Amino acid sequence: MLSTLLIGVLFAAVHLPSYGWNVLQVLSGVGIARLVLTIPYIITKNIWVWTGAHILNDWAFFGFALVMAGQAGG
């Protein structure tokens, strides 16, 4: 469990430049999402399940952002 938490923090730290070096936002957003998205791997021990969950999560957020941006401009 400690290794999962450490990897979540390191993964979040890699995203710091993308979030304007906002440590709180990165740890609370990316770090928690990383831990949640690790659950499918822990359950199945299959990297493809984790990859699929990550892709679905990303596209859900991208799709939501695109829909909202289209409504704001329309």
PDB file of N, CA and C in Angstrom:
ATOM      1  N   MET A   1       0.825  -1.203   0.000  1.00  0.00           N
ATOM      2  CA  MET A   1       0.000   0.000   0.000  1.00  0.00           C
ATOM      3  C   MET A   1       0.862   1.256   0.000  1.00  0.00           C
ATOM      4  N   LEU A   2       1.957   1.230   0.740  1.00  0.00           N
ATOM      5  CA  LEU A   2       2.844   2.386   0.793  1.00  0.00           C
ATOM      6  C   LEU A   2       3.457   2.661  -0.581  1.00  0.00           C
ATOM      7  N   SER A   3       3.804   1.595  -1.297  1.00  0.00           N
ATOM      8  CA  SER A   3       4.384   1.786  -2.630  1.00  0.00           C
ATOM      9  C   SER A   3       3.361   2.400  -3.584  1.00  0.00           C
ATOM     10  N   THR A   4       2.105   2.028  -3.472  1.00  0.00           N
ATOM     11  CA  THR A   4       1.050   2.601  -4.314  1.00  0.00           C
ATOM     12  C   THR A   4       0.899   4.084  -4.029  1.00  0.00           C
ATOM     13  N   LEU A   5       0.946   4.457  -2.775  1.00  0.00           N
ATOM     14  CA  LEU A   5       0.850   5.863  -2.400  1.00  0.00           C
ATOM     15  C   LEU A   5       2.062   6.650  -2.914  1.00  0.00           C
ATOM     16  N   LEU A   6       3.246   6.083  -2.779  1.00  0.00           N
ATOM     17  CA  LEU A   6       4.461   6.734  -3.257  1.00  0.00           C
ATOM     18  C   LEU A   6       4.420   6.929  -4.776  1.00  0.00           C
ATOM     19  N   ILE A   7       3.993   5.925  -5.501  1.00  0.00           N
ATOM     20  CA  ILE A   7       3.891   6.033  -6.959  1.00  0.00           C
ATOM     21  C   ILE A   7       2.855   7.093  -7.337  1.00  0.00           C
ATOM     22  N   GLY A   8       1.757   7.169  -6.591  1.00  0.00           N
ATOM     23  CA  GLY A   8       0.746   8.202  -6.857  1.00  0.00           C
ATOM     24  C   GLY A   8       1.308   9.601  -6.687  1.00  0.00           C
ATOM     25  N   VAL A   9       2.102   9.812  -5.659  1.00  0.00           N
ATOM     26  CA  VAL A   9       2.710  11.125  -5.417  1.00  0.00           C
ATOM     27  C   VAL A   9       3.734  11.440  -6.510  1.00  0.00           C
ATOM     28  N   LEU A  10       4.546  10.464  -6.884  1.00  0.00           N
ATOM     29  CA  LEU A  10       5.537  10.690  -7.942  1.00  0.00           C
ATOM     30  C   LEU A  10       4.858  10.968  -9.281  1.00  0.00           C
ATOM     31  N   PHE A  11       3.819  10.227  -9.585  1.00  0.00           N
ATOM     32  CA  PHE A  11       3.076  10.438 -10.825  1.00  0.00           C
ATOM     33  C   PHE A  11       2.475  11.836 -10.849  1.00  0.00           C
ATOM     34  N   ALA A  12       1.938  12.262  -9.722  1.00  0.00           N
ATOM     35  CA  ALA A  12       1.377  13.613  -9.632  1.00  0.00           C
ATOM     36  C   ALA A  12       2.471  14.653  -9.816  1.00  0.00           C
ATOM     37  N   ALA A  13       3.640  14.428  -9.240  1.00  0.00           N
ATOM     38  CA  ALA A  13       4.733  15.392  -9.336  1.00  0.00           C
ATOM     39  C   ALA A  13       5.177  15.607 -10.782  1.00  0.00           C
ATOM     40  N   VAL A  14       5.096  14.573 -11.595  1.00  0.00           N
ATOM     41  CA  VAL A  14       5.462  14.699 -13.008  1.00  0.00           C
ATOM     42  C   VAL A  14       4.529  15.686 -13.718  1.00  0.00           C
ATOM     43  N   HIS A  15       3.317  15.834 -13.226  1.00  0.00           N
ATOM     44  CA  HIS A  15       2.331  16.718 -13.843  1.00  0.00           C
ATOM     45  C   HIS A  15       2.404  18.163 -13.337  1.00  0.00           C
ATOM     46  N   LEU A  16       3.327  18.468 -12.440  1.00  0.00           N
ATOM     47  CA  LEU A  16       3.418  19.821 -11.882  1.00  0.00           C
ATOM     48  C   LEU A  16       3.544  20.917 -12.941  1.00  0.00           C
ATOM     49  N   PRO A  17       4.407  20.777 -13.959  1.00  0.00           N
ATOM     50  CA  PRO A  17       4.492  21.851 -14.964  1.00  0.00           C
ATOM     51  C   PRO A  17       3.169  22.091 -15.698  1.00  0.00           C
ATOM     52  N   SER A  18       2.421  21.032 -15.920  1.00  0.00           N
ATOM     53  CA  SER A  18       1.139  21.164 -16.633  1.00  0.00           C
ATOM     54  C   SER A  18       0.098  21.929 -15.824  1.00  0.00           C
ATOM     55  N   TYR A  19       0.239  21.938 -14.516  1.00  0.00           N
ATOM     56  CA  TYR A  19      -0.729  22.584 -13.633  1.00  0.00           C
ATOM     57  C   TYR A  19      -0.155  23.836 -12.987  1.00  0.00           C
ATOM     58  N   GLY A  20       0.822  24.459 -13.648  1.00  0.00           N
ATOM     59  CA  GLY A  20       1.391  25.706 -13.149  1.00  0.00           C
ATOM     60  C   GLY A  20       2.067  25.570 -11.801  1.00  0.00           C
ATOM     61  N   TRP A  21       2.642  24.409 -11.526  1.00  0.00           N
ATOM     62  CA  TRP A  21       3.366  24.143 -10.285  1.00  0.00           C
ATOM     63  C   TRP A  21       2.480  24.269  -9.041  1.00  0.00           C
ATOM     64  N   ASN A  22       1.184  24.050  -9.200  1.00  0.00           N
ATOM     65  CA  ASN A  22       0.238  24.103  -8.086  1.00  0.00           C
ATOM     66  C   ASN A  22       0.229  22.723  -7.408  1.00  0.00           C
ATOM     67  N   VAL A  23       0.998  22.605  -6.348  1.00  0.00           N
ATOM     68  CA  VAL A  23       1.191  21.315  -5.674  1.00  0.00           C
ATOM     69  C   VAL A  23      -0.123  20.776  -5.116  1.00  0.00           C
ATOM     70  N   LEU A  24      -0.914  21.627  -4.491  1.00  0.00           N
ATOM     71  CA  LEU A  24      -2.177  21.175  -3.915  1.00  0.00           C
ATOM     72  C   LEU A  24      -3.118  20.630  -4.988  1.00  0.00           C
ATOM     73  N   GLN A  25      -3.221  21.327  -6.095  1.00  0.00           N
ATOM     74  CA  GLN A  25      -4.103  20.867  -7.179  1.00  0.00           C
ATOM     75  C   GLN A  25      -3.605  19.545  -7.759  1.00  0.00           C
ATOM     76  N   VAL A  26      -2.323  19.432  -7.938  1.00  0.00           N
ATOM     77  CA  VAL A  26      -1.770  18.207  -8.510  1.00  0.00           C
ATOM     78  C   VAL A  26      -1.972  17.023  -7.568  1.00  0.00           C
ATOM     79  N   LEU A  27      -1.669  17.218  -6.300  1.00  0.00           N
ATOM     80  CA  LEU A  27      -1.806  16.106  -5.358  1.00  0.00           C
ATOM     81  C   LEU A  27      -3.273  15.723  -5.144  1.00  0.00           C
ATOM     82  N   SER A  28      -4.149  16.720  -5.086  1.00  0.00           N
ATOM     83  CA  SER A  28      -5.558  16.411  -4.838  1.00  0.00           C
ATOM     84  C   SER A  28      -6.260  15.916  -6.094  1.00  0.00           C
ATOM     85  N   GLY A  29      -5.847  16.357  -7.247  1.00  0.00           N
ATOM     86  CA  GLY A  29      -6.506  15.938  -8.487  1.00  0.00           C
ATOM     87  C   GLY A  29      -5.844  14.735  -9.119  1.00  0.00           C
ATOM     88  N   VAL A  30      -4.645  14.931  -9.623  1.00  0.00           N
ATOM     89  CA  VAL A  30      -3.924  13.879 -10.333  1.00  0.00           C
ATOM     90  C   VAL A  30      -3.548  12.738  -9.389  1.00  0.00           C
ATOM     91  N   GLY A  31      -3.084  13.065  -8.199  1.00  0.00           N
ATOM     92  CA  GLY A  31      -2.673  12.026  -7.255  1.00  0.00           C
ATOM     93  C   GLY A  31      -3.807  11.106  -6.858  1.00  0.00           C
ATOM     94  N   ILE A  32      -4.952  11.678  -6.540  1.00  0.00           N
ATOM     95  CA  ILE A  32      -6.108  10.859  -6.150  1.00  0.00           C
ATOM     96  C   ILE A  32      -6.633  10.073  -7.346  1.00  0.00           C
ATOM     97  N   ALA A  33      -6.682  10.713  -8.510  1.00  0.00           N
ATOM     98  CA  ALA A  33      -7.136  10.000  -9.710  1.00  0.00           C
ATOM     99  C   ALA A  33      -6.218   8.818  -9.996  1.00  0.00           C
ATOM    100  N   ARG A  34      -4.930   9.017  -9.827  1.00  0.00           N
ATOM    101  CA  ARG A  34      -3.964   7.941 -10.050  1.00  0.00           C
ATOM    102  C   ARG A  34      -4.235   6.779  -9.098  1.00  0.00           C
ATOM    103  N   LEU A  35      -4.487   7.079  -7.849  1.00  0.00           N
ATOM    104  CA  LEU A  35      -4.766   6.003  -6.893  1.00  0.00           C
ATOM    105  C   LEU A  35      -6.045   5.259  -7.251  1.00  0.00           C
ATOM    106  N   VAL A  36      -7.075   6.004  -7.649  1.00  0.00           N
ATOM    107  CA  VAL A  36      -8.343   5.364  -8.039  1.00  0.00           C
ATOM    108  C   VAL A  36      -8.145   4.512  -9.289  1.00  0.00           C
ATOM    109  N   LEU A  37      -7.390   5.020 -10.245  1.00  0.00           N
ATOM    110  CA  LEU A  37      -7.164   4.273 -11.485  1.00  0.00           C
ATOM    111  C   LEU A  37      -6.214   3.088 -11.294  1.00  0.00           C
ATOM    112  N   THR A  38      -5.549   3.017 -10.171  1.00  0.00           N
ATOM    113  CA  THR A  38      -4.689   1.872  -9.878  1.00  0.00           C
ATOM    114  C   THR A  38      -5.505   0.686  -9.360  1.00  0.00           C
ATOM    115  N   ILE A  39      -6.683   0.947  -8.861  1.00  0.00           N
ATOM    116  CA  ILE A  39      -7.529  -0.123  -8.308  1.00  0.00           C
ATOM    117  C   ILE A  39      -7.795  -1.249  -9.310  1.00  0.00           C
ATOM    118  N   PRO A  40      -8.138  -0.937 -10.594  1.00  0.00           N
ATOM    119  CA  PRO A  40      -8.336  -2.054 -11.536  1.00  0.00           C
ATOM    120  C   PRO A  40      -7.095  -2.934 -11.689  1.00  0.00           C
ATOM    121  N   TYR A  41      -5.912  -2.335 -11.650  1.00  0.00           N
ATOM    122  CA  TYR A  41      -4.694  -3.137 -11.747  1.00  0.00           C
ATOM    123  C   TYR A  41      -4.519  -4.004 -10.503  1.00  0.00           C
ATOM    124  N   ILE A  42      -4.759  -3.435  -9.335  1.00  0.00           N
ATOM    125  CA  ILE A  42      -4.592  -4.189  -8.097  1.00  0.00           C
ATOM    126  C   ILE A  42      -5.536  -5.387  -8.072  1.00  0.00           C
ATOM    127  N   ILE A  43      -6.754  -5.182  -8.558  1.00  0.00           N
ATOM    128  CA  ILE A  43      -7.740  -6.261  -8.564  1.00  0.00           C
ATOM    129  C   ILE A  43      -7.398  -7.342  -9.571  1.00  0.00           C
ATOM    130  N   THR A  44      -7.006  -6.930 -10.790  1.00  0.00           N
ATOM    131  CA  THR A  44      -6.812  -7.895 -11.877  1.00  0.00           C
ATOM    132  C   THR A  44      -5.361  -8.286 -12.128  1.00  0.00           C
ATOM    133  N   LYS A  45      -4.408  -7.471 -11.680  1.00  0.00           N
ATOM    134  CA  LYS A  45      -2.979  -7.659 -11.983  1.00  0.00           C
ATOM    135  C   LYS A  45      -2.741  -7.671 -13.498  1.00  0.00           C
ATOM    136  N   ASN A  46      -3.559  -6.893 -14.215  1.00  0.00           N
ATOM    137  CA  ASN A  46      -3.464  -6.823 -15.663  1.00  0.00           C
ATOM    138  C   ASN A  46      -3.261  -5.363 -16.069  1.00  0.00           C
ATOM    139  N   ILE A  47      -2.117  -5.068 -16.689  1.00  0.00           N
ATOM    140  CA  ILE A  47      -1.795  -3.691 -17.059  1.00  0.00           C
ATOM    141  C   ILE A  47      -2.762  -3.155 -18.117  1.00  0.00           C
ATOM    142  N   TRP A  48      -3.332  -4.034 -18.940  1.00  0.00           N
ATOM    143  CA  TRP A  48      -4.262  -3.594 -19.986  1.00  0.00           C
ATOM    144  C   TRP A  48      -5.569  -3.104 -19.388  1.00  0.00           C
ATOM    145  N   VAL A  49      -6.001  -3.685 -18.294  1.00  0.00           N
ATOM    146  CA  VAL A  49      -7.209  -3.207 -17.615  1.00  0.00           C
ATOM    147  C   VAL A  49      -6.965  -1.814 -17.061  1.00  0.00           C
ATOM    148  N   TRP A  50      -5.795  -1.612 -16.446  1.00  0.00           N
ATOM    149  CA  TRP A  50      -5.437  -0.296 -15.931  1.00  0.00           C
ATOM    150  C   TRP A  50      -5.349   0.717 -17.064  1.00  0.00           C
ATOM    151  N   THR A  51      -4.737   0.326 -18.183  1.00  0.00           N
ATOM    152  CA  THR A  51      -4.605   1.221 -19.332  1.00  0.00           C
ATOM    153  C   THR A  51      -5.974   1.607 -19.872  1.00  0.00           C
ATOM    154  N   GLY A  52      -6.872   0.631 -19.991  1.00  0.00           N
ATOM    155  CA  GLY A  52      -8.226   0.916 -20.459  1.00  0.00           C
ATOM    156  C   GLY A  52      -8.970   1.867 -19.536  1.00  0.00           C
ATOM    157  N   ALA A  53      -8.837   1.666 -18.245  1.00  0.00           N
ATOM    158  CA  ALA A  53      -9.493   2.552 -17.276  1.00  0.00           C
ATOM    159  C   ALA A  53      -8.936   3.966 -17.399  1.00  0.00           C
ATOM    160  N   HIS A  54      -7.640   4.083 -17.587  1.00  0.00           N
ATOM    161  CA  HIS A  54      -7.006   5.388 -17.727  1.00  0.00           C
ATOM    162  C   HIS A  54      -7.481   6.097 -18.999  1.00  0.00           C
ATOM    163  N   ILE A  55      -7.526   5.380 -20.101  1.00  0.00           N
ATOM    164  CA  ILE A  55      -7.979   5.964 -21.366  1.00  0.00           C
ATOM    165  C   ILE A  55      -9.441   6.390 -21.268  1.00  0.00           C
ATOM    166  N   LEU A  56     -10.291   5.537 -20.708  1.00  0.00           N
ATOM    167  CA  LEU A  56     -11.706   5.894 -20.553  1.00  0.00           C
ATOM    168  C   LEU A  56     -11.870   7.122 -19.666  1.00  0.00           C
ATOM    169  N   ASN A  57     -11.115   7.193 -18.604  1.00  0.00           N
ATOM    170  CA  ASN A  57     -11.173   8.340 -17.707  1.00  0.00           C
ATOM    171  C   ASN A  57     -10.753   9.619 -18.434  1.00  0.00           C
ATOM    172  N   ASP A  58      -9.633   9.569 -19.148  1.00  0.00           N
ATOM    173  CA  ASP A  58      -9.155  10.750 -19.880  1.00  0.00           C
ATOM    174  C   ASP A  58     -10.170  11.207 -20.913  1.00  0.00           C
ATOM    175  N   TRP A  59     -10.684  10.285 -21.698  1.00  0.00           N
ATOM    176  CA  TRP A  59     -11.628  10.665 -22.750  1.00  0.00           C
ATOM    177  C   TRP A  59     -12.945  11.166 -22.182  1.00  0.00           C
ATOM    178  N   ALA A  60     -13.342  10.667 -21.031  1.00  0.00           N
ATOM    179  CA  ALA A  60     -14.560  11.186 -20.399  1.00  0.00           C
ATOM    180  C   ALA A  60     -14.364  12.657 -20.020  1.00  0.00           C
ATOM    181  N   PHE A  61     -13.200  12.983 -19.447  1.00  0.00           N
ATOM    182  CA  PHE A  61     -12.925  14.380 -19.086  1.00  0.00           C
ATOM    183  C   PHE A  61     -12.759  15.256 -20.321  1.00  0.00           C
ATOM    184  N   PHE A  62     -12.042  14.748 -21.335  1.00  0.00           N
ATOM    185  CA  PHE A  62     -11.877  15.525 -22.566  1.00  0.00           C
ATOM    186  C   PHE A  62     -13.219  15.757 -23.240  1.00  0.00           C
ATOM    187  N   GLY A  63     -14.042  14.711 -23.303  1.00  0.00           N
ATOM    188  CA  GLY A  63     -15.365  14.845 -23.921  1.00  0.00           C
ATOM    189  C   GLY A  63     -16.231  15.853 -23.188  1.00  0.00           C
ATOM    190  N   PHE A  64     -16.215  15.798 -21.868  1.00  0.00           N
ATOM    191  CA  PHE A  64     -16.983  16.755 -21.068  1.00  0.00           C
ATOM    192  C   PHE A  64     -16.510  18.177 -21.336  1.00  0.00           C
ATOM    193  N   ALA A  65     -15.194  18.370 -21.374  1.00  0.00           N
ATOM    194  CA  ALA A  65     -14.645  19.708 -21.632  1.00  0.00           C
ATOM    195  C   ALA A  65     -15.038  20.203 -23.021  1.00  0.00           C
ATOM    196  N   LEU A  66     -15.018  19.327 -24.013  1.00  0.00           N
ATOM    197  CA  LEU A  66     -15.398  19.722 -25.367  1.00  0.00           C
ATOM    198  C   LEU A  66     -16.872  20.083 -25.452  1.00  0.00           C
ATOM    199  N   VAL A  67     -17.718  19.312 -24.800  1.00  0.00           N
ATOM    200  CA  VAL A  67     -19.152  19.607 -24.796  1.00  0.00           C
ATOM    201  C   VAL A  67     -19.418  20.948 -24.117  1.00  0.00           C
ATOM    202  N   MET A  68     -18.774  21.165 -22.985  1.00  0.00           N
ATOM    203  CA  MET A  68     -18.978  22.420 -22.256  1.00  0.00           C
ATOM    204  C   MET A  68     -18.438  23.620 -23.057  1.00  0.00           C
ATOM    205  N   ALA A  69     -17.324  23.438 -23.720  1.00  0.00           N
ATOM    206  CA  ALA A  69     -16.760  24.521 -24.526  1.00  0.00           C
ATOM    207  C   ALA A  69     -17.666  24.834 -25.711  1.00  0.00           C
ATOM    208  N   GLY A  70     -18.275  23.816 -26.284  1.00  0.00           N
ATOM    209  CA  GLY A  70     -19.193  24.023 -27.397  1.00  0.00           C
ATOM    210  C   GLY A  70     -20.445  24.750 -26.962  1.00  0.00           C
ATOM    211  N   GLN A  71     -20.935  24.476 -25.755  1.00  0.00           N
ATOM    212  CA  GLN A  71     -22.131  25.155 -25.247  1.00  0.00           C
ATOM    213  C   GLN A  71     -21.831  26.610 -24.891  1.00  0.00           C
ATOM    214  N   ALA A  72     -20.620  26.868 -24.423  1.00  0.00           N
ATOM    215  CA  ALA A  72     -20.263  28.236 -24.034  1.00  0.00           C
ATOM    216  C   ALA A  72     -20.107  29.131 -25.269  1.00  0.00           C
ATOM    217  N   GLY A  73     -19.680  28.555 -26.382  1.00  0.00           N
ATOM    218  CA  GLY A  73     -19.467  29.356 -27.585  1.00  0.00           C
ATOM    219  C   GLY A  73     -20.713  29.452 -28.463  1.00  0.00           C
ATOM    220  N   GLY A  74     -21.704  28.622 -28.178  1.00  0.00           N
ATOM    221  CA  GLY A  74     -22.840  28.500 -29.080  1.00  0.00           C
ATOM    222  C   GLY A  74     -23.935  29.409 -28.814  1.00  0.00           C
TER     223      GLY A  74
END
